[in-house]
Amino acid sequence: MKLVIAVIQDKDSNRLTNALSNENFKATKLSSTGGFLKEGNTTLMIGVEDERIDEALNVIRDNCSQREQMIAPISPMGGNADSYIPKPVKVEVGGATVFVLPVESFFQF
């Protein structure tokens, strides 16, 4: 058995949890915050049998899309903030960061 930990954007959360449920995967949903954009993320913990790991990864891949987003850059450190006019820049967001960990034992009470 494996534990799949998937960190995704909140925008993809409902679509992914529905798709996982439709394929009979059970997931625990946790709220989290991203480090780069400091926006809300969702972390899913999914218990997966070894023979279904590729299927679970495909469901995640198919339901977590990457997209471009405009953000205002942070003012430069040590510079004069009065003369700093932020120009929005495009960054790629979305997709999923996925960790697959071995599970020694699993209990459900």
PDB file of N, CA and C in Angstrom:
ATOM      1  N   MET A   1       0.846  -1.178   0.000  1.00  0.00           N
ATOM      2  CA  MET A   1       0.000   0.000   0.000  1.00  0.00           C
ATOM      3  C   MET A   1       0.886   1.234   0.000  1.00  0.00           C
ATOM      4  N   LYS A   2       0.376   2.304  -0.620  1.00  0.00           N
ATOM      5  CA  LYS A   2       1.091   3.578  -0.702  1.00  0.00           C
ATOM      6  C   LYS A   2       0.201   4.683  -0.154  1.00  0.00           C
ATOM      7  N   LEU A   3       0.842   5.726   0.355  1.00  0.00           N
ATOM      8  CA  LEU A   3       0.156   6.950   0.732  1.00  0.00           C
ATOM      9  C   LEU A   3       0.544   7.995  -0.296  1.00  0.00           C
ATOM     10  N   VAL A   4      -0.444   8.498  -1.024  1.00  0.00           N
ATOM     11  CA  VAL A   4      -0.219   9.553  -2.007  1.00  0.00           C
ATOM     12  C   VAL A   4      -0.618  10.866  -1.356  1.00  0.00           C
ATOM     13  N   ILE A   5       0.318  11.799  -1.309  1.00  0.00           N
ATOM     14  CA  ILE A   5       0.042  13.136  -0.802  1.00  0.00           C
ATOM     15  C   ILE A   5       0.104  14.073  -1.996  1.00  0.00           C
ATOM     16  N   ALA A   6      -1.034  14.692  -2.321  1.00  0.00           N
ATOM     17  CA  ALA A   6      -1.113  15.582  -3.483  1.00  0.00           C
ATOM     18  C   ALA A   6      -1.445  16.992  -3.009  1.00  0.00           C
ATOM     19  N   VAL A   7      -0.575  17.944  -3.339  1.00  0.00           N
ATOM     20  CA  VAL A   7      -0.806  19.347  -3.025  1.00  0.00           C
ATOM     21  C   VAL A   7      -1.284  20.011  -4.315  1.00  0.00           C
ATOM     22  N   ILE A   8      -2.499  20.548  -4.276  1.00  0.00           N
ATOM     23  CA  ILE A   8      -3.123  21.101  -5.475  1.00  0.00           C
ATOM     24  C   ILE A   8      -3.699  22.482  -5.172  1.00  0.00           C
ATOM     25  N   GLN A   9      -4.056  23.218  -6.222  1.00  0.00           N
ATOM     26  CA  GLN A   9      -4.717  24.503  -6.023  1.00  0.00           C
ATOM     27  C   GLN A   9      -6.155  24.280  -5.601  1.00  0.00           C
ATOM     28  N   ASP A  10      -6.682  25.201  -4.788  1.00  0.00           N
ATOM     29  CA  ASP A  10      -8.072  25.101  -4.355  1.00  0.00           C
ATOM     30  C   ASP A  10      -9.032  25.006  -5.543  1.00  0.00           C
ATOM     31  N   LYS A  11      -8.695  25.677  -6.640  1.00  0.00           N
ATOM     32  CA  LYS A  11      -9.569  25.687  -7.817  1.00  0.00           C
ATOM     33  C   LYS A  11      -9.764  24.284  -8.401  1.00  0.00           C
ATOM     34  N   ASP A  12      -8.799  23.398  -8.200  1.00  0.00           N
ATOM     35  CA  ASP A  12      -8.881  22.032  -8.735  1.00  0.00           C
ATOM     36  C   ASP A  12      -9.447  21.034  -7.729  1.00  0.00           C
ATOM     37  N   SER A  13      -9.662  21.471  -6.508  1.00  0.00           N
ATOM     38  CA  SER A  13     -10.010  20.578  -5.401  1.00  0.00           C
ATOM     39  C   SER A  13     -11.299  19.796  -5.631  1.00  0.00           C
ATOM     40  N   ASN A  14     -12.390  20.467  -5.936  1.00  0.00           N
ATOM     41  CA  ASN A  14     -13.669  19.761  -6.092  1.00  0.00           C
ATOM     42  C   ASN A  14     -13.651  18.807  -7.273  1.00  0.00           C
ATOM     43  N   ARG A  15     -13.079  19.257  -8.389  1.00  0.00           N
ATOM     44  CA  ARG A  15     -13.016  18.395  -9.572  1.00  0.00           C
ATOM     45  C   ARG A  15     -12.225  17.125  -9.275  1.00  0.00           C
ATOM     46  N   LEU A  16     -11.073  17.270  -8.592  1.00  0.00           N
ATOM     47  CA  LEU A  16     -10.245  16.109  -8.292  1.00  0.00           C
ATOM     48  C   LEU A  16     -10.902  15.184  -7.280  1.00  0.00           C
ATOM     49  N   THR A  17     -11.474  15.717  -6.219  1.00  0.00           N
ATOM     50  CA  THR A  17     -12.091  14.839  -5.217  1.00  0.00           C
ATOM     51  C   THR A  17     -13.274  14.073  -5.821  1.00  0.00           C
ATOM     52  N   ASN A  18     -14.026  14.713  -6.702  1.00  0.00           N
ATOM     53  CA  ASN A  18     -15.121  14.002  -7.381  1.00  0.00           C
ATOM     54  C   ASN A  18     -14.583  12.896  -8.283  1.00  0.00           C
ATOM     55  N   ALA A  19     -13.526  13.192  -9.037  1.00  0.00           N
ATOM     56  CA  ALA A  19     -12.942  12.186  -9.933  1.00  0.00           C
ATOM     57  C   ALA A  19     -12.356  11.020  -9.145  1.00  0.00           C
ATOM     58  N   LEU A  20     -11.699  11.298  -8.028  1.00  0.00           N
ATOM     59  CA  LEU A  20     -11.160  10.225  -7.192  1.00  0.00           C
ATOM     60  C   LEU A  20     -12.285   9.353  -6.634  1.00  0.00           C
ATOM     61  N   SER A  21     -13.344   9.990  -6.184  1.00  0.00           N
ATOM     62  CA  SER A  21     -14.483   9.254  -5.645  1.00  0.00           C
ATOM     63  C   SER A  21     -15.123   8.364  -6.714  1.00  0.00           C
ATOM     64  N   ASN A  22     -15.248   8.892  -7.932  1.00  0.00           N
ATOM     65  CA  ASN A  22     -15.819   8.110  -9.033  1.00  0.00           C
ATOM     66  C   ASN A  22     -14.995   6.869  -9.356  1.00  0.00           C
ATOM     67  N   GLU A  23     -13.697   6.911  -9.060  1.00  0.00           N
ATOM     68  CA  GLU A  23     -12.806   5.767  -9.306  1.00  0.00           C
ATOM     69  C   GLU A  23     -12.571   4.944  -8.037  1.00  0.00           C
ATOM     70  N   ASN A  24     -13.372   5.194  -7.005  1.00  0.00           N
ATOM     71  CA  ASN A  24     -13.328   4.460  -5.730  1.00  0.00           C
ATOM     72  C   ASN A  24     -12.032   4.639  -4.952  1.00  0.00           C
ATOM     73  N   PHE A  25     -11.458   5.835  -5.014  1.00  0.00           N
ATOM     74  CA  PHE A  25     -10.331   6.189  -4.156  1.00  0.00           C
ATOM     75  C   PHE A  25     -10.882   7.033  -3.016  1.00  0.00           C
ATOM     76  N   LYS A  26     -10.426   6.746  -1.803  1.00  0.00           N
ATOM     77  CA  LYS A  26     -10.829   7.539  -0.646  1.00  0.00           C
ATOM     78  C   LYS A  26      -9.716   8.516  -0.319  1.00  0.00           C
ATOM     79  N   ALA A  27     -10.103   9.766  -0.051  1.00  0.00           N
ATOM     80  CA  ALA A  27      -9.108  10.797   0.217  1.00  0.00           C
ATOM     81  C   ALA A  27      -9.502  11.608   1.444  1.00  0.00           C
ATOM     82  N   THR A  28      -8.508  12.064   2.165  1.00  0.00           N
ATOM     83  CA  THR A  28      -8.704  13.000   3.257  1.00  0.00           C
ATOM     84  C   THR A  28      -8.199  14.350   2.784  1.00  0.00           C
ATOM     85  N   LYS A  29      -9.045  15.370   2.925  1.00  0.00           N
ATOM     86  CA  LYS A  29      -8.759  16.698   2.399  1.00  0.00           C
ATOM     87  C   LYS A  29      -8.313  17.621   3.534  1.00  0.00           C
ATOM     88  N   LEU A  30      -7.168  18.280   3.340  1.00  0.00           N
ATOM     89  CA  LEU A  30      -6.632  19.229   4.317  1.00  0.00           C
ATOM     90  C   LEU A  30      -6.437  20.582   3.655  1.00  0.00           C
ATOM     91  N   SER A  31      -6.751  21.648   4.366  1.00  0.00           N
ATOM     92  CA  SER A  31      -6.469  22.986   3.854  1.00  0.00           C
ATOM     93  C   SER A  31      -5.006  23.301   4.120  1.00  0.00           C
ATOM     94  N   SER A  32      -4.366  23.961   3.157  1.00  0.00           N
ATOM     95  CA  SER A  32      -2.971  24.349   3.317  1.00  0.00           C
ATOM     96  C   SER A  32      -2.747  25.669   2.593  1.00  0.00           C
ATOM     97  N   THR A  33      -1.577  26.252   2.794  1.00  0.00           N
ATOM     98  CA  THR A  33      -1.231  27.519   2.158  1.00  0.00           C
ATOM     99  C   THR A  33       0.076  27.355   1.419  1.00  0.00           C
ATOM    100  N   GLY A  34       0.105  27.835   0.173  1.00  0.00           N
ATOM    101  CA  GLY A  34       1.309  27.738  -0.641  1.00  0.00           C
ATOM    102  C   GLY A  34       2.357  28.747  -0.222  1.00  0.00           C
ATOM    103  N   GLY A  35       3.611  28.434  -0.465  1.00  0.00           N
ATOM    104  CA  GLY A  35       4.705  29.310  -0.077  1.00  0.00           C
ATOM    105  C   GLY A  35       4.988  30.421  -1.057  1.00  0.00           C
ATOM    106  N   PHE A  36       4.905  30.162  -2.363  1.00  0.00           N
ATOM    107  CA  PHE A  36       5.307  31.147  -3.360  1.00  0.00           C
ATOM    108  C   PHE A  36       4.277  32.260  -3.506  1.00  0.00           C
ATOM    109  N   LEU A  37       3.036  31.908  -3.785  1.00  0.00           N
ATOM    110  CA  LEU A  37       1.992  32.922  -3.972  1.00  0.00           C
ATOM    111  C   LEU A  37       1.187  33.169  -2.700  1.00  0.00           C
ATOM    112  N   LYS A  38       1.436  32.385  -1.668  1.00  0.00           N
ATOM    113  CA  LYS A  38       0.732  32.491  -0.392  1.00  0.00           C
ATOM    114  C   LYS A  38      -0.783  32.426  -0.578  1.00  0.00           C
ATOM    115  N   GLU A  39      -1.223  31.569  -1.478  1.00  0.00           N
ATOM    116  CA  GLU A  39      -2.639  31.357  -1.729  1.00  0.00           C
ATOM    117  C   GLU A  39      -3.057  30.017  -1.156  1.00  0.00           C
ATOM    118  N   GLY A  40      -4.368  29.849  -1.031  1.00  0.00           N
ATOM    119  CA  GLY A  40      -4.900  28.611  -0.491  1.00  0.00           C
ATOM    120  C   GLY A  40      -4.634  27.427  -1.398  1.00  0.00           C
ATOM    121  N   ASN A  41      -4.222  26.348  -0.810  1.00  0.00           N
ATOM    122  CA  ASN A  41      -4.030  25.078  -1.492  1.00  0.00           C
ATOM    123  C   ASN A  41      -4.868  24.037  -0.782  1.00  0.00           C
ATOM    124  N   THR A  42      -4.978  22.901  -1.406  1.00  0.00           N
ATOM    125  CA  THR A  42      -5.601  21.745  -0.779  1.00  0.00           C
ATOM    126  C   THR A  42      -4.592  20.612  -0.814  1.00  0.00           C
ATOM    127  N   THR A  43      -4.433  19.936   0.292  1.00  0.00           N
ATOM    128  CA  THR A  43      -3.577  18.762   0.356  1.00  0.00           C
ATOM    129  C   THR A  43      -4.470  17.547   0.543  1.00  0.00           C
ATOM    130  N   LEU A  44      -4.334  16.589  -0.358  1.00  0.00           N
ATOM    131  CA  LEU A  44      -5.114  15.356  -0.272  1.00  0.00           C
ATOM    132  C   LEU A  44      -4.208  14.210   0.138  1.00  0.00           C
ATOM    133  N   MET A  45      -4.656  13.427   1.112  1.00  0.00           N
ATOM    134  CA  MET A  45      -3.966  12.201   1.498  1.00  0.00           C
ATOM    135  C   MET A  45      -4.824  11.049   1.002  1.00  0.00           C
ATOM    136  N   ILE A  46      -4.231  10.201   0.152  1.00  0.00           N
ATOM    137  CA  ILE A  46      -4.981   9.144  -0.516  1.00  0.00           C
ATOM    138  C   ILE A  46      -4.275   7.816  -0.283  1.00  0.00           C
ATOM    139  N   GLY A  47      -4.978   6.870   0.311  1.00  0.00           N
ATOM    140  CA  GLY A  47      -4.444   5.521   0.470  1.00  0.00           C
ATOM    141  C   GLY A  47      -4.706   4.729  -0.799  1.00  0.00           C
ATOM    142  N   VAL A  48      -3.646   4.166  -1.388  1.00  0.00           N
ATOM    143  CA  VAL A  48      -3.777   3.490  -2.680  1.00  0.00           C
ATOM    144  C   VAL A  48      -3.074   2.131  -2.628  1.00  0.00           C
ATOM    145  N   GLU A  49      -3.765   1.100  -3.108  1.00  0.00           N
ATOM    146  CA  GLU A  49      -3.135  -0.217  -3.244  1.00  0.00           C
ATOM    147  C   GLU A  49      -2.030  -0.120  -4.300  1.00  0.00           C
ATOM    148  N   ASP A  50      -0.971  -0.894  -4.120  1.00  0.00           N
ATOM    149  CA  ASP A  50       0.190  -0.814  -5.007  1.00  0.00           C
ATOM    150  C   ASP A  50      -0.181  -0.952  -6.485  1.00  0.00           C
ATOM    151  N   GLU A  51      -1.087  -1.872  -6.794  1.00  0.00           N
ATOM    152  CA  GLU A  51      -1.420  -2.116  -8.209  1.00  0.00           C
ATOM    153  C   GLU A  51      -2.262  -0.995  -8.819  1.00  0.00           C
ATOM    154  N   ARG A  52      -2.776  -0.057  -8.011  1.00  0.00           N
ATOM    155  CA  ARG A  52      -3.611   1.035  -8.539  1.00  0.00           C
ATOM    156  C   ARG A  52      -2.918   2.392  -8.508  1.00  0.00           C
ATOM    157  N   ILE A  53      -1.624   2.416  -8.193  1.00  0.00           N
ATOM    158  CA  ILE A  53      -0.926   3.694  -8.052  1.00  0.00           C
ATOM    159  C   ILE A  53      -0.906   4.478  -9.359  1.00  0.00           C
ATOM    160  N   ASP A  54      -0.654   3.819 -10.484  1.00  0.00           N
ATOM    161  CA  ASP A  54      -0.638   4.521 -11.770  1.00  0.00           C
ATOM    162  C   ASP A  54      -2.011   5.099 -12.104  1.00  0.00           C
ATOM    163  N   GLU A  55      -3.051   4.372 -11.774  1.00  0.00           N
ATOM    164  CA  GLU A  55      -4.421   4.844 -12.008  1.00  0.00           C
ATOM    165  C   GLU A  55      -4.695   6.107 -11.186  1.00  0.00           C
ATOM    166  N   ALA A  56      -4.289   6.102  -9.929  1.00  0.00           N
ATOM    167  CA  ALA A  56      -4.495   7.272  -9.068  1.00  0.00           C
ATOM    168  C   ALA A  56      -3.717   8.480  -9.593  1.00  0.00           C
ATOM    169  N   LEU A  57      -2.475   8.256 -10.005  1.00  0.00           N
ATOM    170  CA  LEU A  57      -1.668   9.361 -10.539  1.00  0.00           C
ATOM    171  C   LEU A  57      -2.274   9.920 -11.824  1.00  0.00           C
ATOM    172  N   ASN A  58      -2.851   9.066 -12.652  1.00  0.00           N
ATOM    173  CA  ASN A  58      -3.508   9.539 -13.877  1.00  0.00           C
ATOM    174  C   ASN A  58      -4.730  10.392 -13.566  1.00  0.00           C
ATOM    175  N   VAL A  59      -5.501  10.005 -12.558  1.00  0.00           N
ATOM    176  CA  VAL A  59      -6.665  10.805 -12.162  1.00  0.00           C
ATOM    177  C   VAL A  59      -6.216  12.184 -11.690  1.00  0.00           C
ATOM    178  N   ILE A  60      -5.154  12.221 -10.903  1.00  0.00           N
ATOM    179  CA  ILE A  60      -4.631  13.506 -10.427  1.00  0.00           C
ATOM    180  C   ILE A  60      -4.150  14.337 -11.610  1.00  0.00           C
ATOM    181  N   ARG A  61      -3.371  13.739 -12.490  1.00  0.00           N
ATOM    182  CA  ARG A  61      -2.826  14.439 -13.660  1.00  0.00           C
ATOM    183  C   ARG A  61      -3.941  15.003 -14.539  1.00  0.00           C
ATOM    184  N   ASP A  62      -5.002  14.230 -14.739  1.00  0.00           N
ATOM    185  CA  ASP A  62      -6.093  14.637 -15.624  1.00  0.00           C
ATOM    186  C   ASP A  62      -6.975  15.737 -15.047  1.00  0.00           C
ATOM    187  N   ASN A  63      -6.926  15.940 -13.734  1.00  0.00           N
ATOM    188  CA  ASN A  63      -7.848  16.884 -13.101  1.00  0.00           C
ATOM    189  C   ASN A  63      -7.192  18.085 -12.445  1.00  0.00           C
ATOM    190  N   CYS A  64      -5.896  18.214 -12.566  1.00  0.00           N
ATOM    191  CA  CYS A  64      -5.188  19.353 -11.983  1.00  0.00           C
ATOM    192  C   CYS A  64      -4.425  20.061 -13.094  1.00  0.00           C
ATOM    193  N   SER A  65      -5.056  21.083 -13.651  1.00  0.00           N
ATOM    194  CA  SER A  65      -4.486  21.750 -14.819  1.00  0.00           C
ATOM    195  C   SER A  65      -3.553  22.891 -14.422  1.00  0.00           C
ATOM    196  N   GLN A  66      -2.539  23.089 -15.243  1.00  0.00           N
ATOM    197  CA  GLN A  66      -1.670  24.245 -15.070  1.00  0.00           C
ATOM    198  C   GLN A  66      -2.246  25.393 -15.879  1.00  0.00           C
ATOM    199  N   ARG A  67      -2.110  26.605 -15.342  1.00  0.00           N
ATOM    200  CA  ARG A  67      -2.613  27.799 -16.031  1.00  0.00           C
ATOM    201  C   ARG A  67      -1.748  28.991 -15.664  1.00  0.00           C
ATOM    202  N   GLU A  68      -1.865  30.040 -16.446  1.00  0.00           N
ATOM    203  CA  GLU A  68      -1.115  31.256 -16.154  1.00  0.00           C
ATOM    204  C   GLU A  68      -1.972  32.199 -15.330  1.00  0.00           C
ATOM    205  N   GLN A  69      -1.309  32.931 -14.424  1.00  0.00           N
ATOM    206  CA  GLN A  69      -1.995  33.882 -13.561  1.00  0.00           C
ATOM    207  C   GLN A  69      -1.148  35.140 -13.475  1.00  0.00           C
ATOM    208  N   MET A  70      -1.785  36.284 -13.468  1.00  0.00           N
ATOM    209  CA  MET A  70      -1.076  37.551 -13.326  1.00  0.00           C
ATOM    210  C   MET A  70      -0.932  37.864 -11.835  1.00  0.00           C
ATOM    211  N   ILE A  71       0.289  38.207 -11.419  1.00  0.00           N
ATOM    212  CA  ILE A  71       0.517  38.606 -10.028  1.00  0.00           C
ATOM    213  C   ILE A  71       1.328  39.884 -10.002  1.00  0.00           C
ATOM    214  N   ALA A  72       1.165  40.659  -8.944  1.00  0.00           N
ATOM    215  CA  ALA A  72       1.974  41.859  -8.746  1.00  0.00           C
ATOM    216  C   ALA A  72       3.200  41.461  -7.940  1.00  0.00           C
ATOM    217  N   PRO A  73       4.388  41.770  -8.447  1.00  0.00           N
ATOM    218  CA  PRO A  73       5.595  41.392  -7.697  1.00  0.00           C
ATOM    219  C   PRO A  73       5.727  42.178  -6.398  1.00  0.00           C
ATOM    220  N   ILE A  74       6.461  41.591  -5.465  1.00  0.00           N
ATOM    221  CA  ILE A  74       6.699  42.214  -4.165  1.00  0.00           C
ATOM    222  C   ILE A  74       7.749  43.306  -4.341  1.00  0.00           C
ATOM    223  N   SER A  75       7.617  44.373  -3.572  1.00  0.00           N
ATOM    224  CA  SER A  75       8.573  45.480  -3.650  1.00  0.00           C
ATOM    225  C   SER A  75       9.981  44.991  -3.327  1.00  0.00           C
ATOM    226  N   PRO A  76      11.006  45.525  -4.030  1.00  0.00           N
ATOM    227  CA  PRO A  76      12.376  45.056  -3.794  1.00  0.00           C
ATOM    228  C   PRO A  76      12.844  45.393  -2.387  1.00  0.00           C
ATOM    229  N   MET A  77      13.571  44.483  -1.783  1.00  0.00           N
ATOM    230  CA  MET A  77      14.082  44.682  -0.427  1.00  0.00           C
ATOM    231  C   MET A  77      15.135  45.784  -0.424  1.00  0.00           C
ATOM    232  N   GLY A  78      15.036  46.676   0.526  1.00  0.00           N
ATOM    233  CA  GLY A  78      16.046  47.719   0.679  1.00  0.00           C
ATOM    234  C   GLY A  78      15.889  48.877  -0.288  1.00  0.00           C
ATOM    235  N   GLY A  79      14.959  48.760  -1.226  1.00  0.00           N
ATOM    236  CA  GLY A  79      14.763  49.837  -2.189  1.00  0.00           C
ATOM    237  C   GLY A  79      13.756  50.842  -1.683  1.00  0.00           C
ATOM    238  N   ASN A  80      13.623  51.924  -2.411  1.00  0.00           N
ATOM    239  CA  ASN A  80      12.675  52.956  -2.059  1.00  0.00           C
ATOM    240  C   ASN A  80      11.304  52.537  -2.571  1.00  0.00           C
ATOM    241  N   ALA A  81      10.399  52.223  -1.678  1.00  0.00           N
ATOM    242  CA  ALA A  81       9.077  51.750  -2.069  1.00  0.00           C
ATOM    243  C   ALA A  81       8.225  52.853  -2.682  1.00  0.00           C
ATOM    244  N   ASP A  82       8.578  54.135  -2.427  1.00  0.00           N
ATOM    245  CA  ASP A  82       7.795  55.242  -2.971  1.00  0.00           C
ATOM    246  C   ASP A  82       7.863  55.289  -4.488  1.00  0.00           C
ATOM    247  N   SER A  83       9.010  54.943  -5.060  1.00  0.00           N
ATOM    248  CA  SER A  83       9.168  55.026  -6.509  1.00  0.00           C
ATOM    249  C   SER A  83       8.935  53.692  -7.205  1.00  0.00           C
ATOM    250  N   TYR A  84       8.584  52.671  -6.431  1.00  0.00           N
ATOM    251  CA  TYR A  84       8.393  51.333  -7.005  1.00  0.00           C
ATOM    252  C   TYR A  84       6.958  51.183  -7.485  1.00  0.00           C
ATOM    253  N   ILE A  85       6.778  50.947  -8.766  1.00  0.00           N
ATOM    254  CA  ILE A  85       5.457  50.711  -9.338  1.00  0.00           C
ATOM    255  C   ILE A  85       5.443  49.277  -9.850  1.00  0.00           C
ATOM    256  N   PRO A  86       4.709  48.414  -9.167  1.00  0.00           N
ATOM    257  CA  PRO A  86       4.730  47.007  -9.581  1.00  0.00           C
ATOM    258  C   PRO A  86       4.029  46.810 -10.917  1.00  0.00           C
ATOM    259  N   LYS A  87       4.676  46.061 -11.783  1.00  0.00           N
ATOM    260  CA  LYS A  87       4.076  45.690 -13.054  1.00  0.00           C
ATOM    261  C   LYS A  87       3.711  44.216 -12.944  1.00  0.00           C
ATOM    262  N   PRO A  88       2.432  43.887 -13.151  1.00  0.00           N
ATOM    263  CA  PRO A  88       2.031  42.480 -13.032  1.00  0.00           C
ATOM    264  C   PRO A  88       2.823  41.595 -13.996  1.00  0.00           C
ATOM    265  N   VAL A  89       3.136  40.394 -13.517  1.00  0.00           N
ATOM    266  CA  VAL A  89       3.854  39.425 -14.341  1.00  0.00           C
ATOM    267  C   VAL A  89       3.054  38.126 -14.379  1.00  0.00           C
ATOM    268  N   LYS A  90       3.217  37.381 -15.463  1.00  0.00           N
ATOM    269  CA  LYS A  90       2.544  36.095 -15.593  1.00  0.00           C
ATOM    270  C   LYS A  90       3.391  35.013 -14.932  1.00  0.00           C
ATOM    271  N   VAL A  91       2.748  34.174 -14.159  1.00  0.00           N
ATOM    272  CA  VAL A  91       3.407  33.004 -13.586  1.00  0.00           C
ATOM    273  C   VAL A  91       2.530  31.791 -13.858  1.00  0.00           C
ATOM    274  N   GLU A  92       3.156  30.635 -13.952  1.00  0.00           N
ATOM    275  CA  GLU A  92       2.418  29.399 -14.156  1.00  0.00           C
ATOM    276  C   GLU A  92       2.032  28.833 -12.801  1.00  0.00           C
ATOM    277  N   VAL A  93       0.742  28.562 -12.629  1.00  0.00           N
ATOM    278  CA  VAL A  93       0.240  28.006 -11.371  1.00  0.00           C
ATOM    279  C   VAL A  93      -0.568  26.751 -11.684  1.00  0.00           C
ATOM    280  N   GLY A  94      -0.932  26.051 -10.654  1.00  0.00           N
ATOM    281  CA  GLY A  94      -1.767  24.868 -10.829  1.00  0.00           C
ATOM    282  C   GLY A  94      -0.947  23.610 -10.954  1.00  0.00           C
ATOM    283  N   GLY A  95      -1.577  22.598 -11.488  1.00  0.00           N
ATOM    284  CA  GLY A  95      -0.932  21.299 -11.539  1.00  0.00           C
ATOM    285  C   GLY A  95      -0.988  20.667 -10.161  1.00  0.00           C
ATOM    286  N   ALA A  96      -0.095  19.783  -9.902  1.00  0.00           N
ATOM    287  CA  ALA A  96      -0.077  19.087  -8.617  1.00  0.00           C
ATOM    288  C   ALA A  96       1.356  18.743  -8.244  1.00  0.00           C
ATOM    289  N   THR A  97       1.638  18.817  -6.969  1.00  0.00           N
ATOM    290  CA  THR A  97       2.886  18.294  -6.422  1.00  0.00           C
ATOM    291  C   THR A  97       2.503  17.041  -5.654  1.00  0.00           C
ATOM    292  N   VAL A  98       3.074  15.913  -6.062  1.00  0.00           N
ATOM    293  CA  VAL A  98       2.621  14.626  -5.532  1.00  0.00           C
ATOM    294  C   VAL A  98       3.792  13.864  -4.911  1.00  0.00           C
ATOM    295  N   PHE A  99       3.548  13.345  -3.716  1.00  0.00           N
ATOM    296  CA  PHE A  99       4.509  12.487  -3.026  1.00  0.00           C
ATOM    297  C   PHE A  99       3.880  11.105  -2.885  1.00  0.00           C
ATOM    298  N   VAL A 100       4.652  10.072  -3.130  1.00  0.00           N
ATOM    299  CA  VAL A 100       4.171   8.699  -2.951  1.00  0.00           C
ATOM    300  C   VAL A 100       5.067   8.039  -1.910  1.00  0.00           C
ATOM    301  N   LEU A 101       4.452   7.614  -0.816  1.00  0.00           N
ATOM    302  CA  LEU A 101       5.201   7.059   0.309  1.00  0.00           C
ATOM    303  C   LEU A 101       4.744   5.630   0.582  1.00  0.00           C
ATOM    304  N   PRO A 102       5.665   4.755   0.970  1.00  0.00           N
ATOM    305  CA  PRO A 102       5.246   3.399   1.344  1.00  0.00           C
ATOM    306  C   PRO A 102       4.514   3.424   2.688  1.00  0.00           C
ATOM    307  N   VAL A 103       3.530   2.537   2.833  1.00  0.00           N
ATOM    308  CA  VAL A 103       2.782   2.419   4.073  1.00  0.00           C
ATOM    309  C   VAL A 103       3.046   1.041   4.647  1.00  0.00           C
ATOM    310  N   GLU A 104       3.562   1.025   5.858  1.00  0.00           N
ATOM    311  CA  GLU A 104       3.873  -0.252   6.498  1.00  0.00           C
ATOM    312  C   GLU A 104       2.617  -0.972   6.958  1.00  0.00           C
ATOM    313  N   SER A 105       1.674  -0.206   7.534  1.00  0.00           N
ATOM    314  CA  SER A 105       0.410  -0.805   7.953  1.00  0.00           C
ATOM    315  C   SER A 105      -0.673   0.262   7.907  1.00  0.00           C
ATOM    316  N   PHE A 106      -1.917  -0.194   7.836  1.00  0.00           N
ATOM    317  CA  PHE A 106      -3.063   0.693   7.718  1.00  0.00           C
ATOM    318  C   PHE A 106      -4.174   0.141   8.599  1.00  0.00           C
ATOM    319  N   PHE A 107      -4.781   1.014   9.397  1.00  0.00           N
ATOM    320  CA  PHE A 107      -5.876   0.604  10.271  1.00  0.00           C
ATOM    321  C   PHE A 107      -7.023   1.576  10.093  1.00  0.00           C
ATOM    322  N   GLN A 108      -8.231   1.037  10.078  1.00  0.00           N
ATOM    323  CA  GLN A 108      -9.426   1.863  10.012  1.00  0.00           C
ATOM    324  C   GLN A 108     -10.365   1.362  11.077  1.00  0.00           C
ATOM    325  N   PHE A 109     -10.656   2.212  12.074  1.00  0.00           N
ATOM    326  CA  PHE A 109     -11.490   1.807  13.213  1.00  0.00           C
ATOM    327  C   PHE A 109     -12.866   2.413  13.102  1.00  0.00           C
TER     328      PHE A 109
END
